[in-house]
Every structure is written in structure tokens, then in C-alpha cells.
Amino acid sequence: MKGLTVTDLAITSRVHGDGIVVLTAVGEIDLANCAGVDTAVSQAINRGRPLVLDLSGVTFLDSSGLRTVLTSQAAAARANSPFFLVPSPIVRRVLELAGINESELPTHSDVAHALDECGSSSGR
């Protein structure tokens, strides 16, 4: 497991199963550290491989962090990598306040459910 610690944020990545990348962020995502998440997402995306962005441990998300979540989804789409988001209650609330609904950005209750969905979406 590789790790990167940025101000009030720890980011880890691991490859699960058949190349599914699970990127986990714990702490606060804001203007001071969202570039670290952007970098980690860029490094994690493998063409055609699913990406699970686990934000279940995120305790704060500002508008810069919201932009990071949305650009992560867009970057995964450009790389043809299925994208799966696991938000914390705080992240889920920010998405709701921003008017981003489940059809625009599907979310999963936990990493296990996201991994199950990865498996079913790839025909495994």
C-alpha cells in the first residue's frame, strides 16, 4: 500500500482484485490539499480499470474538494475507467447542497458495495 500525507489529509491507494484501484482519503479535503487528491487520482487511473474513490473517512469538504471529486469522475471517464464514489456523510451532504444527484454521480454505501458493483459492471 502506498501512502501520501498532505496537510490534514492522508491518501492511500491499493490495487484490488483484477486491477481495481481503491483510492482512500481520510481527513479534510480543501484548497490547501485538493491538489494531492488530484495527483493521486491521476496516478491511480489505469486505462479501462475501475477506480473506487473512497471518501468515507473525509471529515470536511469545501468547494475545492467538490471540484476535485467532480474532476476525478471526469478524468476517469476520459480514461474509460469506471468510477465508483464512496462518500462520507459530510461529502454526501455537500453533494446534496450543490444539487448533484445520484443520477449524475452515483454513490455507494461502502467500499465492499462499490467493489461488488465493479465486478458486476465488468461482467465478472
C-alpha atoms as a PDB file:
ATOM      1  CA  MET A   1       0.000   0.000   0.000  1.00  0.00           C
ATOM      2  CA  LYS A   2       1.379   3.402  -0.993  1.00  0.00           C
ATOM      3  CA  GLY A   3       0.610   6.448   1.079  1.00  0.00           C
ATOM      4  CA  LEU A   4       0.785  10.225   0.747  1.00  0.00           C
ATOM      5  CA  THR A   5       0.114  12.575   3.632  1.00  0.00           C
ATOM      6  CA  VAL A   6      -0.840  16.164   2.937  1.00  0.00           C
ATOM      7  CA  THR A   7      -1.996  18.758   5.467  1.00  0.00           C
ATOM      8  CA  ASP A   8      -4.854  17.163   7.437  1.00  0.00           C
ATOM      9  CA  LEU A   9      -5.292  14.525   4.747  1.00  0.00           C
ATOM     10  CA  ALA A  10      -3.963  11.010   4.279  1.00  0.00           C
ATOM     11  CA  ILE A  11      -4.313   9.334   0.890  1.00  0.00           C
ATOM     12  CA  THR A  12      -3.631   5.660   0.253  1.00  0.00           C
ATOM     13  CA  SER A  13      -4.048   3.533  -2.826  1.00  0.00           C
ATOM     14  CA  ARG A  14      -4.169  -0.181  -3.386  1.00  0.00           C
ATOM     15  CA  VAL A  15      -4.979  -2.453  -6.269  1.00  0.00           C
ATOM     16  CA  HIS A  16      -7.781  -4.871  -5.508  1.00  0.00           C
ATOM     17  CA  GLY A  17      -8.860  -7.934  -7.442  1.00  0.00           C
ATOM     18  CA  ASP A  18      -8.468  -7.670 -11.181  1.00  0.00           C
ATOM     19  CA  GLY A  19      -6.775  -4.294 -11.199  1.00  0.00           C
ATOM     20  CA  ILE A  20      -9.492  -2.297  -9.444  1.00  0.00           C
ATOM     21  CA  VAL A  21      -7.816   0.746  -7.905  1.00  0.00           C
ATOM     22  CA  VAL A  22      -9.112   1.753  -4.471  1.00  0.00           C
ATOM     23  CA  LEU A  23      -8.022   5.264  -3.550  1.00  0.00           C
ATOM     24  CA  THR A  24      -8.820   6.184   0.058  1.00  0.00           C
ATOM     25  CA  ALA A  25      -8.734   9.691   1.505  1.00  0.00           C
ATOM     26  CA  VAL A  26      -9.054  10.336   5.241  1.00  0.00           C
ATOM     27  CA  GLY A  27      -9.296  13.807   6.772  1.00  0.00           C
ATOM     28  CA  GLU A  28     -10.113  17.158   5.228  1.00  0.00           C
ATOM     29  CA  ILE A  29     -10.158  17.992   1.513  1.00  0.00           C
ATOM     30  CA  ASP A  30      -9.866  21.711   0.883  1.00  0.00           C
ATOM     31  CA  LEU A  31      -7.997  24.279  -1.190  1.00  0.00           C
ATOM     32  CA  ALA A  32      -4.766  23.587   0.712  1.00  0.00           C
ATOM     33  CA  ASN A  33      -4.614  19.910  -0.217  1.00  0.00           C
ATOM     34  CA  CYS A  34      -7.011  19.068  -3.053  1.00  0.00           C
ATOM     35  CA  ALA A  35      -4.077  19.004  -5.496  1.00  0.00           C
ATOM     36  CA  GLY A  36      -2.840  15.936  -3.609  1.00  0.00           C
ATOM     37  CA  VAL A  37      -6.100  14.151  -4.348  1.00  0.00           C
ATOM     38  CA  ASP A  38      -5.931  15.254  -8.000  1.00  0.00           C
ATOM     39  CA  THR A  39      -2.410  13.838  -8.253  1.00  0.00           C
ATOM     40  CA  ALA A  40      -3.369  10.581  -6.565  1.00  0.00           C
ATOM     41  CA  VAL A  41      -6.373  10.146  -8.893  1.00  0.00           C
ATOM     42  CA  SER A  42      -4.199  10.844 -11.948  1.00  0.00           C
ATOM     43  CA  GLN A  43      -1.687   8.238 -10.799  1.00  0.00           C
ATOM     44  CA  ALA A  44      -4.418   5.711  -9.958  1.00  0.00           C
ATOM     45  CA  ILE A  45      -6.283   5.765 -13.237  1.00  0.00           C
ATOM     46  CA  ASN A  46      -5.340   2.900 -15.488  1.00  0.00           C
ATOM     47  CA  ARG A  47      -6.992   2.896 -18.881  1.00  0.00           C
ATOM     48  CA  GLY A  48     -10.079   0.715 -18.648  1.00  0.00           C
ATOM     49  CA  ARG A  49      -9.593  -0.151 -14.969  1.00  0.00           C
ATOM     50  CA  PRO A  50     -12.291   0.746 -12.428  1.00  0.00           C
ATOM     51  CA  LEU A  51     -11.482   3.371  -9.791  1.00  0.00           C
ATOM     52  CA  VAL A  52     -13.105   3.378  -6.353  1.00  0.00           C
ATOM     53  CA  LEU A  53     -12.687   6.769  -4.681  1.00  0.00           C
ATOM     54  CA  ASP A  54     -13.262   6.055  -1.001  1.00  0.00           C
ATOM     55  CA  LEU A  55     -14.068   9.276   0.819  1.00  0.00           C
ATOM     56  CA  SER A  56     -15.831   7.579   3.725  1.00  0.00           C
ATOM     57  CA  GLY A  57     -13.173   8.976   6.084  1.00  0.00           C
ATOM     58  CA  VAL A  58     -13.427  12.575   4.856  1.00  0.00           C
ATOM     59  CA  THR A  59     -14.492  14.939   7.648  1.00  0.00           C
ATOM     60  CA  PHE A  60     -14.570  18.215   5.679  1.00  0.00           C
ATOM     61  CA  LEU A  61     -15.046  19.093   2.005  1.00  0.00           C
ATOM     62  CA  ASP A  62     -15.056  22.639   0.662  1.00  0.00           C
ATOM     63  CA  SER A  63     -15.841  23.826  -2.864  1.00  0.00           C
ATOM     64  CA  SER A  64     -12.281  22.989  -3.982  1.00  0.00           C
ATOM     65  CA  GLY A  65     -12.771  19.469  -2.704  1.00  0.00           C
ATOM     66  CA  LEU A  66     -16.093  19.228  -4.512  1.00  0.00           C
ATOM     67  CA  ARG A  67     -14.352  20.303  -7.728  1.00  0.00           C
ATOM     68  CA  THR A  68     -11.779  17.578  -7.104  1.00  0.00           C
ATOM     69  CA  VAL A  69     -14.491  14.911  -6.772  1.00  0.00           C
ATOM     70  CA  LEU A  70     -16.171  16.064  -9.978  1.00  0.00           C
ATOM     71  CA  THR A  71     -12.923  16.329 -11.937  1.00  0.00           C
ATOM     72  CA  SER A  72     -11.934  12.869 -10.679  1.00  0.00           C
ATOM     73  CA  GLN A  73     -15.122  11.462 -12.154  1.00  0.00           C
ATOM     74  CA  ALA A  74     -14.460  13.316 -15.426  1.00  0.00           C
ATOM     75  CA  ALA A  75     -10.833  12.140 -15.582  1.00  0.00           C
ATOM     76  CA  ALA A  76     -11.916   8.543 -15.044  1.00  0.00           C
ATOM     77  CA  ALA A  77     -14.491   8.891 -17.822  1.00  0.00           C
ATOM     78  CA  ARG A  78     -11.860  10.308 -20.198  1.00  0.00           C
ATOM     79  CA  ALA A  79      -9.601   7.344 -19.379  1.00  0.00           C
ATOM     80  CA  ASN A  80     -12.518   4.947 -19.940  1.00  0.00           C
ATOM     81  CA  SER A  81     -12.199   3.867 -16.302  1.00  0.00           C
ATOM     82  CA  PRO A  82     -15.442   3.141 -14.444  1.00  0.00           C
ATOM     83  CA  PHE A  83     -15.706   5.437 -11.406  1.00  0.00           C
ATOM     84  CA  PHE A  84     -17.227   4.492  -8.055  1.00  0.00           C
ATOM     85  CA  LEU A  85     -17.603   7.006  -5.212  1.00  0.00           C
ATOM     86  CA  VAL A  86     -17.957   6.082  -1.534  1.00  0.00           C
ATOM     87  CA  PRO A  87     -18.791   9.341   0.279  1.00  0.00           C
ATOM     88  CA  SER A  88     -18.821  10.121   3.972  1.00  0.00           C
ATOM     89  CA  PRO A  89     -21.974  11.762   5.352  1.00  0.00           C
ATOM     90  CA  ILE A  90     -20.200  15.131   5.049  1.00  0.00           C
ATOM     91  CA  VAL A  91     -19.319  14.534   1.384  1.00  0.00           C
ATOM     92  CA  ARG A  92     -22.837  13.297   0.682  1.00  0.00           C
ATOM     93  CA  ARG A  93     -24.267  16.482   2.243  1.00  0.00           C
ATOM     94  CA  VAL A  94     -22.004  18.735   0.156  1.00  0.00           C
ATOM     95  CA  LEU A  95     -23.110  16.873  -2.991  1.00  0.00           C
ATOM     96  CA  GLU A  96     -26.757  17.406  -1.984  1.00  0.00           C
ATOM     97  CA  LEU A  97     -26.211  21.116  -1.267  1.00  0.00           C
ATOM     98  CA  ALA A  98     -24.534  21.511  -4.663  1.00  0.00           C
ATOM     99  CA  GLY A  99     -27.552  19.911  -6.325  1.00  0.00           C
ATOM    100  CA  ILE A 100     -25.611  16.898  -7.573  1.00  0.00           C
ATOM    101  CA  ASN A 101     -27.942  13.934  -7.609  1.00  0.00           C
ATOM    102  CA  GLU A 102     -27.419  10.187  -7.723  1.00  0.00           C
ATOM    103  CA  SER A 103     -28.029  10.006 -11.481  1.00  0.00           C
ATOM    104  CA  GLU A 104     -25.190  12.466 -12.125  1.00  0.00           C
ATOM    105  CA  LEU A 105     -22.756  10.966  -9.632  1.00  0.00           C
ATOM    106  CA  PRO A 106     -23.743   7.525  -8.340  1.00  0.00           C
ATOM    107  CA  THR A 107     -22.513   6.740  -4.836  1.00  0.00           C
ATOM    108  CA  HIS A 108     -22.071   3.575  -2.807  1.00  0.00           C
ATOM    109  CA  SER A 109     -22.560   2.990   0.901  1.00  0.00           C
ATOM    110  CA  ASP A 110     -19.137   1.398   1.406  1.00  0.00           C
ATOM    111  CA  VAL A 111     -16.122   0.033  -0.442  1.00  0.00           C
ATOM    112  CA  ALA A 112     -17.456  -3.536  -0.402  1.00  0.00           C
ATOM    113  CA  HIS A 113     -20.593  -2.467  -2.271  1.00  0.00           C
ATOM    114  CA  ALA A 114     -18.527  -0.442  -4.728  1.00  0.00           C
ATOM    115  CA  LEU A 115     -16.274  -3.457  -5.358  1.00  0.00           C
ATOM    116  CA  ASP A 116     -19.359  -5.640  -5.890  1.00  0.00           C
ATOM    117  CA  GLU A 117     -20.631  -3.120  -8.422  1.00  0.00           C
ATOM    118  CA  CYS A 118     -17.201  -3.084 -10.120  1.00  0.00           C
ATOM    119  CA  GLY A 119     -17.480  -6.833 -10.517  1.00  0.00           C
ATOM    120  CA  SER A 120     -20.988  -6.771 -11.910  1.00  0.00           C
ATOM    121  CA  SER A 121     -20.283  -3.855 -14.252  1.00  0.00           C
ATOM    122  CA  SER A 122     -17.335  -5.651 -15.802  1.00  0.00           C
ATOM    123  CA  GLY A 123     -19.239  -8.897 -16.283  1.00  0.00           C
ATOM    124  CA  ARG A 124     -17.359 -10.881 -13.666  1.00  0.00           C
END
